[in-house]
């Protein structure tokens, strides 16, 4: 797959996550499930990190050492993106508040994404 498409996909994923994290929370349906917020944060950052890993692996040409750069860059990007979103929630929104446990859920999602990408390296290399 061309790296331009992978970049577009990663940017779209990032935009969707930013949108859903910054919209008025009263517009989001209430789901009565314990810790659903943390599960959503985990899933968002799992997907975010995987999408950026796939792009960076292609961008860095897939050399073994560069694969680990892709994992590291994507992980760091995900964590900083999550922290930025949390700051923006407290600054730009009225119905949302920043939460350290959201950042932890984000980081956990990113971490599991990296380990998943390593485990499925051969499949990701085919993309």
Foldseek 3Di string as FASTA:
>chain_A
DDLVVLVVVLVVLLVVVLCVLADQCVPPDDDPDPPVLLVVLLVSLLVNLLSQLLSQCVVVPNDPVSSVVSLVVSLVVQLVSQVVSQVCNCVPHDRGHRDVSSSVSNNNSSVVSSVVCVVCVVVSVVD
